[in-house]
Amino acid sequence: MLTHNPFADLFPAALMQGYVILMVLLVLGSTIFDTIHKKSAKYFFQAAEKSKKSQTRSISGGEKTSIAVKTAVNEVMLSSEFCNARRRIAHLLGMYGFVMFLIATIILIFSYPTSATPAPALVTGLWHIGALMVAVGGYWFWFFIRVDVAAEGNVWYKIMRADLFILALLATTTFALVWSYLQMNAGGLWTQIILALFIISSTTLFGTVLWSKFAHMFFKPAAAFQKRIQEADGSRANLPAPADKPAQFGLGIKREPARHY
């Protein structure tokens, strides 16, 4: 199964490639619109200008580069913001699995769309393994980490708009794996039904950026970088104390620290 290219001779190459390009344009367009609508870029620029007024030291270009590298490694590649080890592992499985699955899909469709050009086992293997990683991390998160009935009353079937991304991603990778298996072993009506569901779920995933948390992955590194810059130049030290730490001249009420599940 790992050496099977499910896209070979599926549809005309131009049709499959046009679909991928359309999905990319949808993501880019929706992310730009989301940035303008929510004024995310404007917020970051305003926050940067505001922090300059309270900074205690200036940062050189070399230090900014070092901070950018640390942000890319810790917050992006290692997801160090997750204090819960189980949630971090589930997130990393989903993130790296999605990247592998997405890149392999693009390579298979643009470089090996027909059986006349057999795809390398490495690429087809990454496509299947990436989808499996997303499924493992996603289902683990949905059924065992996200659910906390005792503390929050959340159950697995309680769905909100913010869950659209993870559910569409899980559906896409799950249907992709089932479709590939059926295509190799059975064929027939069920293969066509699962293929249709795979296309619908992937279109939902990339076409609903405005309503899901998809665009969050682009804003998260920028916010983490800005935070590290403020910590380095001293401007963050002038921010109010976190809610879990009692203020020096407050009412003397000690807040219960936030719990992370």
C-alpha atoms as a PDB file:
ATOM      1  CA  MET A   1       0.000   0.000   0.000  1.00  0.00           C
ATOM      2  CA  LEU A   2       2.872   2.366   0.763  1.00  0.00           C
ATOM      3  CA  THR A   3       4.107   2.098  -2.814  1.00  0.00           C
ATOM      4  CA  HIS A   4       0.686   2.744  -4.355  1.00  0.00           C
ATOM      5  CA  ASN A   5       0.055   6.074  -6.132  1.00  0.00           C
ATOM      6  CA  PRO A   6      -3.722   6.607  -5.864  1.00  0.00           C
ATOM      7  CA  PHE A   7      -3.670   9.634  -8.190  1.00  0.00           C
ATOM      8  CA  ALA A   8      -2.170   7.805 -11.174  1.00  0.00           C
ATOM      9  CA  ASP A   9      -4.700   7.919 -14.062  1.00  0.00           C
ATOM     10  CA  LEU A  10      -7.430   9.043 -11.659  1.00  0.00           C
ATOM     11  CA  PHE A  11      -8.434  12.145 -13.655  1.00  0.00           C
ATOM     12  CA  PRO A  12      -6.743  14.093 -16.455  1.00  0.00           C
ATOM     13  CA  ALA A  13      -3.539  15.629 -15.085  1.00  0.00           C
ATOM     14  CA  ALA A  14      -4.648  19.154 -15.970  1.00  0.00           C
ATOM     15  CA  LEU A  15      -7.868  18.716 -13.970  1.00  0.00           C
ATOM     16  CA  MET A  16      -6.080  17.484 -10.842  1.00  0.00           C
ATOM     17  CA  GLN A  17      -3.408  20.172 -11.088  1.00  0.00           C
ATOM     18  CA  GLY A  18      -6.035  22.869 -11.613  1.00  0.00           C
ATOM     19  CA  TYR A  19      -7.843  21.694  -8.479  1.00  0.00           C
ATOM     20  CA  VAL A  20      -4.637  21.936  -6.398  1.00  0.00           C
ATOM     21  CA  ILE A  21      -3.914  25.432  -7.737  1.00  0.00           C
ATOM     22  CA  LEU A  22      -7.481  26.485  -6.920  1.00  0.00           C
ATOM     23  CA  MET A  23      -7.119  25.232  -3.340  1.00  0.00           C
ATOM     24  CA  VAL A  24      -3.833  27.145  -2.951  1.00  0.00           C
ATOM     25  CA  LEU A  25      -5.473  30.328  -4.231  1.00  0.00           C
ATOM     26  CA  LEU A  26      -8.387  29.814  -1.835  1.00  0.00           C
ATOM     27  CA  VAL A  27      -6.033  29.509   1.131  1.00  0.00           C
ATOM     28  CA  LEU A  28      -3.953  32.527   0.115  1.00  0.00           C
ATOM     29  CA  GLY A  29      -6.955  34.699  -0.694  1.00  0.00           C
ATOM     30  CA  SER A  30      -8.856  33.740   2.437  1.00  0.00           C
ATOM     31  CA  THR A  31      -5.801  34.272   4.664  1.00  0.00           C
ATOM     32  CA  ILE A  32      -5.191  37.734   3.190  1.00  0.00           C
ATOM     33  CA  PHE A  33      -8.860  38.645   3.569  1.00  0.00           C
ATOM     34  CA  ASP A  34      -8.865  37.294   7.132  1.00  0.00           C
ATOM     35  CA  THR A  35      -5.790  39.412   7.924  1.00  0.00           C
ATOM     36  CA  ILE A  36      -7.450  42.539   6.539  1.00  0.00           C
ATOM     37  CA  HIS A  37     -10.843  41.811   8.095  1.00  0.00           C
ATOM     38  CA  LYS A  38      -9.469  41.092  11.573  1.00  0.00           C
ATOM     39  CA  LYS A  39      -6.737  43.737  11.161  1.00  0.00           C
ATOM     40  CA  SER A  40      -4.145  41.229  12.348  1.00  0.00           C
ATOM     41  CA  ALA A  41      -1.238  42.827  10.465  1.00  0.00           C
ATOM     42  CA  LYS A  42      -2.281  46.277  11.678  1.00  0.00           C
ATOM     43  CA  TYR A  43      -2.385  44.963  15.252  1.00  0.00           C
ATOM     44  CA  PHE A  44       1.142  43.560  15.050  1.00  0.00           C
ATOM     45  CA  PHE A  45       2.532  46.814  13.610  1.00  0.00           C
ATOM     46  CA  GLN A  46       0.748  48.875  16.259  1.00  0.00           C
ATOM     47  CA  ALA A  47       1.973  46.558  19.021  1.00  0.00           C
ATOM     48  CA  ALA A  48       5.529  46.835  17.707  1.00  0.00           C
ATOM     49  CA  GLU A  49       5.347  50.651  17.627  1.00  0.00           C
ATOM     50  CA  LYS A  50       3.826  50.750  21.110  1.00  0.00           C
ATOM     51  CA  SER A  51       6.515  48.479  22.544  1.00  0.00           C
ATOM     52  CA  LYS A  52       9.244  50.800  21.238  1.00  0.00           C
ATOM     53  CA  LYS A  53       8.073  53.502  23.645  1.00  0.00           C
ATOM     54  CA  SER A  54       8.605  51.281  26.685  1.00  0.00           C
ATOM     55  CA  GLN A  55      11.668  49.299  25.634  1.00  0.00           C
ATOM     56  CA  THR A  56      14.714  49.502  27.887  1.00  0.00           C
ATOM     57  CA  ARG A  57      17.320  48.429  25.340  1.00  0.00           C
ATOM     58  CA  SER A  58      17.747  48.311  21.587  1.00  0.00           C
ATOM     59  CA  ILE A  59      18.123  45.052  19.661  1.00  0.00           C
ATOM     60  CA  SER A  60      20.659  44.586  16.879  1.00  0.00           C
ATOM     61  CA  GLY A  61      19.910  42.938  13.556  1.00  0.00           C
ATOM     62  CA  GLY A  62      21.957  39.902  14.534  1.00  0.00           C
ATOM     63  CA  GLU A  63      19.979  39.455  17.746  1.00  0.00           C
ATOM     64  CA  LYS A  64      16.708  39.733  15.833  1.00  0.00           C
ATOM     65  CA  THR A  65      17.924  37.016  13.484  1.00  0.00           C
ATOM     66  CA  SER A  66      18.820  34.827  16.452  1.00  0.00           C
ATOM     67  CA  ILE A  67      15.363  35.425  17.972  1.00  0.00           C
ATOM     68  CA  ALA A  68      13.721  34.535  14.649  1.00  0.00           C
ATOM     69  CA  VAL A  69      15.675  31.253  14.515  1.00  0.00           C
ATOM     70  CA  LYS A  70      14.748  30.414  18.126  1.00  0.00           C
ATOM     71  CA  THR A  71      11.099  31.170  17.368  1.00  0.00           C
ATOM     72  CA  ALA A  72      11.154  28.927  14.297  1.00  0.00           C
ATOM     73  CA  VAL A  73      12.757  26.068  16.237  1.00  0.00           C
ATOM     74  CA  ASN A  74      10.885  26.279  19.550  1.00  0.00           C
ATOM     75  CA  GLU A  75       7.429  27.651  18.774  1.00  0.00           C
ATOM     76  CA  VAL A  76       7.035  26.382  15.197  1.00  0.00           C
ATOM     77  CA  MET A  77       9.066  23.173  14.864  1.00  0.00           C
ATOM     78  CA  LEU A  78       8.799  21.936  18.476  1.00  0.00           C
ATOM     79  CA  SER A  79       5.540  23.651  19.569  1.00  0.00           C
ATOM     80  CA  SER A  80       7.058  24.479  22.933  1.00  0.00           C
ATOM     81  CA  GLU A  81       4.054  26.643  23.901  1.00  0.00           C
ATOM     82  CA  PHE A  82       2.152  23.460  24.793  1.00  0.00           C
ATOM     83  CA  CYS A  83       2.862  22.720  28.460  1.00  0.00           C
ATOM     84  CA  ASN A  84       0.961  19.435  28.256  1.00  0.00           C
ATOM     85  CA  ALA A  85       3.248  16.744  26.802  1.00  0.00           C
ATOM     86  CA  ARG A  86       0.383  14.653  25.369  1.00  0.00           C
ATOM     87  CA  ARG A  87      -1.109  17.642  23.580  1.00  0.00           C
ATOM     88  CA  ARG A  88       2.276  18.646  22.175  1.00  0.00           C
ATOM     89  CA  ILE A  89       2.912  15.151  20.812  1.00  0.00           C
ATOM     90  CA  ALA A  90      -0.556  15.002  19.253  1.00  0.00           C
ATOM     91  CA  HIS A  91      -0.016  18.444  17.722  1.00  0.00           C
ATOM     92  CA  LEU A  92       3.401  17.529  16.316  1.00  0.00           C
ATOM     93  CA  LEU A  93       2.028  14.302  14.821  1.00  0.00           C
ATOM     94  CA  GLY A  94      -0.748  16.238  13.125  1.00  0.00           C
ATOM     95  CA  MET A  95       1.459  19.117  11.989  1.00  0.00           C
ATOM     96  CA  TYR A  96       4.301  17.090  10.490  1.00  0.00           C
ATOM     97  CA  GLY A  97       1.891  14.509   9.121  1.00  0.00           C
ATOM     98  CA  PHE A  98      -0.104  17.229   7.369  1.00  0.00           C
ATOM     99  CA  VAL A  99       3.056  18.786   5.895  1.00  0.00           C
ATOM    100  CA  MET A 100       4.227  15.386   4.605  1.00  0.00           C
ATOM    101  CA  PHE A 101       0.782  14.539   3.229  1.00  0.00           C
ATOM    102  CA  LEU A 102       0.402  17.924   1.513  1.00  0.00           C
ATOM    103  CA  ILE A 103       3.860  17.988  -0.075  1.00  0.00           C
ATOM    104  CA  ALA A 104       3.561  14.373  -1.249  1.00  0.00           C
ATOM    105  CA  THR A 105       0.139  15.112  -2.772  1.00  0.00           C
ATOM    106  CA  ILE A 106       1.548  18.039  -4.763  1.00  0.00           C
ATOM    107  CA  ILE A 107       4.511  15.965  -5.978  1.00  0.00           C
ATOM    108  CA  LEU A 108       2.319  13.025  -7.010  1.00  0.00           C
ATOM    109  CA  ILE A 109      -0.195  15.171  -8.880  1.00  0.00           C
ATOM    110  CA  PHE A 110       2.279  17.443 -10.646  1.00  0.00           C
ATOM    111  CA  SER A 111       5.138  15.005 -11.298  1.00  0.00           C
ATOM    112  CA  TYR A 112       3.554  11.532 -11.439  1.00  0.00           C
ATOM    113  CA  PRO A 113      -0.110  11.929 -12.516  1.00  0.00           C
ATOM    114  CA  THR A 114      -0.128   8.854 -14.785  1.00  0.00           C
ATOM    115  CA  SER A 115       0.988   5.239 -14.596  1.00  0.00           C
ATOM    116  CA  ALA A 116       3.418   6.007 -17.419  1.00  0.00           C
ATOM    117  CA  THR A 117       5.515   7.880 -14.856  1.00  0.00           C
ATOM    118  CA  PRO A 118       5.717   5.595 -11.777  1.00  0.00           C
ATOM    119  CA  ALA A 119       6.067   7.492  -8.526  1.00  0.00           C
ATOM    120  CA  PRO A 120       9.019   6.732  -6.211  1.00  0.00           C
ATOM    121  CA  ALA A 121       8.145   4.601  -3.215  1.00  0.00           C
ATOM    122  CA  LEU A 122       9.518   7.351  -0.959  1.00  0.00           C
ATOM    123  CA  VAL A 123       6.881   9.840  -2.136  1.00  0.00           C
ATOM    124  CA  THR A 124       3.933   7.424  -2.013  1.00  0.00           C
ATOM    125  CA  GLY A 125       5.160   6.203   1.374  1.00  0.00           C
ATOM    126  CA  LEU A 126       5.275   9.751   2.739  1.00  0.00           C
ATOM    127  CA  TRP A 127       1.726  10.357   1.455  1.00  0.00           C
ATOM    128  CA  HIS A 128       0.341   7.349   3.351  1.00  0.00           C
ATOM    129  CA  ILE A 129       2.498   7.815   6.475  1.00  0.00           C
ATOM    130  CA  GLY A 130       1.655  11.523   6.626  1.00  0.00           C
ATOM    131  CA  ALA A 131      -2.070  10.792   6.461  1.00  0.00           C
ATOM    132  CA  LEU A 132      -1.679   8.119   9.148  1.00  0.00           C
ATOM    133  CA  MET A 133       0.224  10.530  11.423  1.00  0.00           C
ATOM    134  CA  VAL A 134      -2.559  13.105  11.104  1.00  0.00           C
ATOM    135  CA  ALA A 135      -5.167  10.464  11.896  1.00  0.00           C
ATOM    136  CA  VAL A 136      -3.297   9.181  14.976  1.00  0.00           C
ATOM    137  CA  GLY A 137      -2.582  12.647  16.357  1.00  0.00           C
ATOM    138  CA  GLY A 138      -6.002  14.016  15.464  1.00  0.00           C
ATOM    139  CA  TYR A 139      -8.093  11.195  16.858  1.00  0.00           C
ATOM    140  CA  TRP A 140      -5.943  11.052  19.981  1.00  0.00           C
ATOM    141  CA  PHE A 141      -6.554  14.759  20.522  1.00  0.00           C
ATOM    142  CA  TRP A 142     -10.279  14.619  19.738  1.00  0.00           C
ATOM    143  CA  PHE A 143     -11.279  11.615  21.806  1.00  0.00           C
ATOM    144  CA  PHE A 144      -8.767  11.662  24.687  1.00  0.00           C
ATOM    145  CA  ILE A 145      -7.153  15.110  25.115  1.00  0.00           C
ATOM    146  CA  ARG A 146      -9.828  17.591  24.063  1.00  0.00           C
ATOM    147  CA  VAL A 147     -12.524  15.844  26.085  1.00  0.00           C
ATOM    148  CA  ASP A 148     -12.595  16.773  29.765  1.00  0.00           C
ATOM    149  CA  VAL A 149     -16.048  15.944  31.063  1.00  0.00           C
ATOM    150  CA  ALA A 150     -15.145  16.284  34.750  1.00  0.00           C
ATOM    151  CA  ALA A 151     -13.638  19.778  34.542  1.00  0.00           C
ATOM    152  CA  GLU A 152     -15.362  21.419  31.572  1.00  0.00           C
ATOM    153  CA  GLY A 153     -18.261  19.216  30.594  1.00  0.00           C
ATOM    154  CA  ASN A 154     -16.897  18.722  27.073  1.00  0.00           C
ATOM    155  CA  VAL A 155     -17.817  15.573  25.197  1.00  0.00           C
ATOM    156  CA  TRP A 156     -16.398  14.376  21.897  1.00  0.00           C
ATOM    157  CA  TYR A 157     -19.579  15.162  19.938  1.00  0.00           C
ATOM    158  CA  LYS A 158     -19.794  18.783  21.150  1.00  0.00           C
ATOM    159  CA  ILE A 159     -18.691  20.624  18.010  1.00  0.00           C
ATOM    160  CA  MET A 160     -17.998  24.344  17.582  1.00  0.00           C
ATOM    161  CA  ARG A 161     -16.984  26.402  14.576  1.00  0.00           C
ATOM    162  CA  ALA A 162     -13.366  26.395  15.745  1.00  0.00           C
ATOM    163  CA  ASP A 163     -13.382  22.588  15.345  1.00  0.00           C
ATOM    164  CA  LEU A 164     -13.988  22.849  11.592  1.00  0.00           C
ATOM    165  CA  PHE A 165     -10.283  22.693  10.767  1.00  0.00           C
ATOM    166  CA  ILE A 166      -9.415  19.580  12.775  1.00  0.00           C
ATOM    167  CA  LEU A 167     -12.565  17.742  11.685  1.00  0.00           C
ATOM    168  CA  ALA A 168     -12.042  18.558   7.991  1.00  0.00           C
ATOM    169  CA  LEU A 169      -8.386  17.548   8.285  1.00  0.00           C
ATOM    170  CA  LEU A 170      -9.263  14.261   9.974  1.00  0.00           C
ATOM    171  CA  ALA A 171     -11.936  13.525   7.385  1.00  0.00           C
ATOM    172  CA  THR A 172      -9.547  14.296   4.516  1.00  0.00           C
ATOM    173  CA  THR A 173      -6.749  12.025   5.720  1.00  0.00           C
ATOM    174  CA  THR A 174      -9.101   9.246   6.866  1.00  0.00           C
ATOM    175  CA  PHE A 175     -10.955   9.124   3.552  1.00  0.00           C
ATOM    176  CA  ALA A 176      -7.605   9.335   1.727  1.00  0.00           C
ATOM    177  CA  LEU A 177      -6.310   6.206   3.461  1.00  0.00           C
ATOM    178  CA  VAL A 178      -9.566   4.268   3.023  1.00  0.00           C
ATOM    179  CA  TRP A 179      -9.813   5.308  -0.634  1.00  0.00           C
ATOM    180  CA  SER A 180      -6.232   4.221  -1.344  1.00  0.00           C
ATOM    181  CA  TYR A 181      -6.838   0.840   0.307  1.00  0.00           C
ATOM    182  CA  LEU A 182     -10.097   0.216  -1.562  1.00  0.00           C
ATOM    183  CA  GLN A 183      -8.563   1.310  -4.831  1.00  0.00           C
ATOM    184  CA  MET A 184      -5.867  -1.332  -4.449  1.00  0.00           C
ATOM    185  CA  ASN A 185      -8.049  -4.190  -3.213  1.00  0.00           C
ATOM    186  CA  ALA A 186     -11.663  -3.787  -4.215  1.00  0.00           C
ATOM    187  CA  GLY A 187     -12.624  -0.960  -6.509  1.00  0.00           C
ATOM    188  CA  GLY A 188     -16.246  -0.556  -7.499  1.00  0.00           C
ATOM    189  CA  LEU A 189     -18.947   1.659  -5.998  1.00  0.00           C
ATOM    190  CA  TRP A 190     -17.491   2.022  -2.500  1.00  0.00           C
ATOM    191  CA  THR A 191     -14.210   3.298  -3.914  1.00  0.00           C
ATOM    192  CA  GLN A 192     -16.077   6.007  -5.838  1.00  0.00           C
ATOM    193  CA  ILE A 193     -18.117   6.976  -2.774  1.00  0.00           C
ATOM    194  CA  ILE A 194     -15.024   7.307  -0.569  1.00  0.00           C
ATOM    195  CA  LEU A 195     -13.256   9.249  -3.331  1.00  0.00           C
ATOM    196  CA  ALA A 196     -16.182  11.685  -3.459  1.00  0.00           C
ATOM    197  CA  LEU A 197     -16.040  12.102   0.323  1.00  0.00           C
ATOM    198  CA  PHE A 198     -12.261  12.648   0.123  1.00  0.00           C
ATOM    199  CA  ILE A 199     -12.743  15.433  -2.434  1.00  0.00           C
ATOM    200  CA  ILE A 200     -15.576  17.032  -0.433  1.00  0.00           C
ATOM    201  CA  SER A 201     -13.608  16.985   2.829  1.00  0.00           C
ATOM    202  CA  SER A 202     -10.424  18.347   1.245  1.00  0.00           C
ATOM    203  CA  THR A 203     -12.409  21.129  -0.440  1.00  0.00           C
ATOM    204  CA  THR A 204     -13.964  21.925   2.940  1.00  0.00           C
ATOM    205  CA  LEU A 205     -10.526  21.969   4.560  1.00  0.00           C
ATOM    206  CA  PHE A 206      -8.981  24.444   2.116  1.00  0.00           C
ATOM    207  CA  GLY A 207     -12.134  26.359   1.224  1.00  0.00           C
ATOM    208  CA  THR A 208     -13.258  27.317   4.734  1.00  0.00           C
ATOM    209  CA  VAL A 209     -10.157  29.150   5.961  1.00  0.00           C
ATOM    210  CA  LEU A 210     -12.279  32.172   6.901  1.00  0.00           C
ATOM    211  CA  TRP A 211     -14.361  30.097   9.328  1.00  0.00           C
ATOM    212  CA  SER A 212     -11.791  27.640  10.654  1.00  0.00           C
ATOM    213  CA  LYS A 213      -8.484  27.887  12.523  1.00  0.00           C
ATOM    214  CA  PHE A 214      -6.443  27.223   9.355  1.00  0.00           C
ATOM    215  CA  ALA A 215      -5.166  30.817   9.171  1.00  0.00           C
ATOM    216  CA  HIS A 216      -4.041  30.547  12.798  1.00  0.00           C
ATOM    217  CA  MET A 217      -0.925  28.653  11.710  1.00  0.00           C
ATOM    218  CA  PHE A 218       0.264  31.760   9.839  1.00  0.00           C
ATOM    219  CA  PHE A 219      -0.371  34.212  12.708  1.00  0.00           C
ATOM    220  CA  LYS A 220       1.078  32.025  15.460  1.00  0.00           C
ATOM    221  CA  PRO A 221       4.789  32.409  14.466  1.00  0.00           C
ATOM    222  CA  ALA A 222       4.383  36.189  14.113  1.00  0.00           C
ATOM    223  CA  ALA A 223       2.849  36.477  17.593  1.00  0.00           C
ATOM    224  CA  ALA A 224       5.574  34.266  19.118  1.00  0.00           C
ATOM    225  CA  PHE A 225       8.314  36.324  17.428  1.00  0.00           C
ATOM    226  CA  GLN A 226       6.769  39.578  18.671  1.00  0.00           C
ATOM    227  CA  LYS A 227       6.617  38.214  22.212  1.00  0.00           C
ATOM    228  CA  ARG A 228      10.304  37.221  22.163  1.00  0.00           C
ATOM    229  CA  ILE A 229      11.263  40.654  20.795  1.00  0.00           C
ATOM    230  CA  GLN A 230       9.375  42.372  23.608  1.00  0.00           C
ATOM    231  CA  GLU A 231      11.038  40.139  26.197  1.00  0.00           C
ATOM    232  CA  ALA A 232      14.463  40.929  24.735  1.00  0.00           C
ATOM    233  CA  ASP A 233      14.044  44.724  24.574  1.00  0.00           C
ATOM    234  CA  GLY A 234      12.422  44.925  28.015  1.00  0.00           C
ATOM    235  CA  SER A 235       9.070  46.304  26.854  1.00  0.00           C
ATOM    236  CA  ARG A 236       7.188  43.203  27.976  1.00  0.00           C
ATOM    237  CA  ALA A 237       8.297  43.790  31.573  1.00  0.00           C
ATOM    238  CA  ASN A 238       5.958  46.786  31.699  1.00  0.00           C
ATOM    239  CA  LEU A 239       2.860  44.735  30.882  1.00  0.00           C
ATOM    240  CA  PRO A 240       0.285  43.941  33.614  1.00  0.00           C
ATOM    241  CA  ALA A 241       0.900  40.850  35.743  1.00  0.00           C
ATOM    242  CA  PRO A 242      -0.745  37.608  34.478  1.00  0.00           C
ATOM    243  CA  ALA A 243      -4.086  36.677  35.988  1.00  0.00           C
ATOM    244  CA  ASP A 244      -2.595  33.721  37.872  1.00  0.00           C
ATOM    245  CA  LYS A 245      -0.204  36.011  39.782  1.00  0.00           C
ATOM    246  CA  PRO A 246      -1.671  38.364  42.412  1.00  0.00           C
ATOM    247  CA  ALA A 247      -0.883  42.028  41.797  1.00  0.00           C
ATOM    248  CA  GLN A 248       1.379  43.736  44.317  1.00  0.00           C
ATOM    249  CA  PHE A 249      -1.249  46.287  45.365  1.00  0.00           C
ATOM    250  CA  GLY A 250      -4.368  44.266  44.579  1.00  0.00           C
ATOM    251  CA  LEU A 251      -7.096  43.004  46.874  1.00  0.00           C
ATOM    252  CA  GLY A 252      -4.897  40.252  48.214  1.00  0.00           C
ATOM    253  CA  ILE A 253      -6.962  37.540  46.491  1.00  0.00           C
ATOM    254  CA  LYS A 254      -4.820  34.711  45.205  1.00  0.00           C
ATOM    255  CA  ARG A 255      -6.144  33.384  41.913  1.00  0.00           C
ATOM    256  CA  GLU A 256      -6.079  29.697  41.166  1.00  0.00           C
ATOM    257  CA  PRO A 257      -3.452  28.979  38.472  1.00  0.00           C
ATOM    258  CA  ALA A 258      -4.802  28.039  35.060  1.00  0.00           C
ATOM    259  CA  ARG A 259      -4.879  24.316  34.391  1.00  0.00           C
ATOM    260  CA  HIS A 260      -3.673  22.836  31.105  1.00  0.00           C
ATOM    261  CA  TYR A 261      -5.096  19.604  29.813  1.00  0.00           C
END
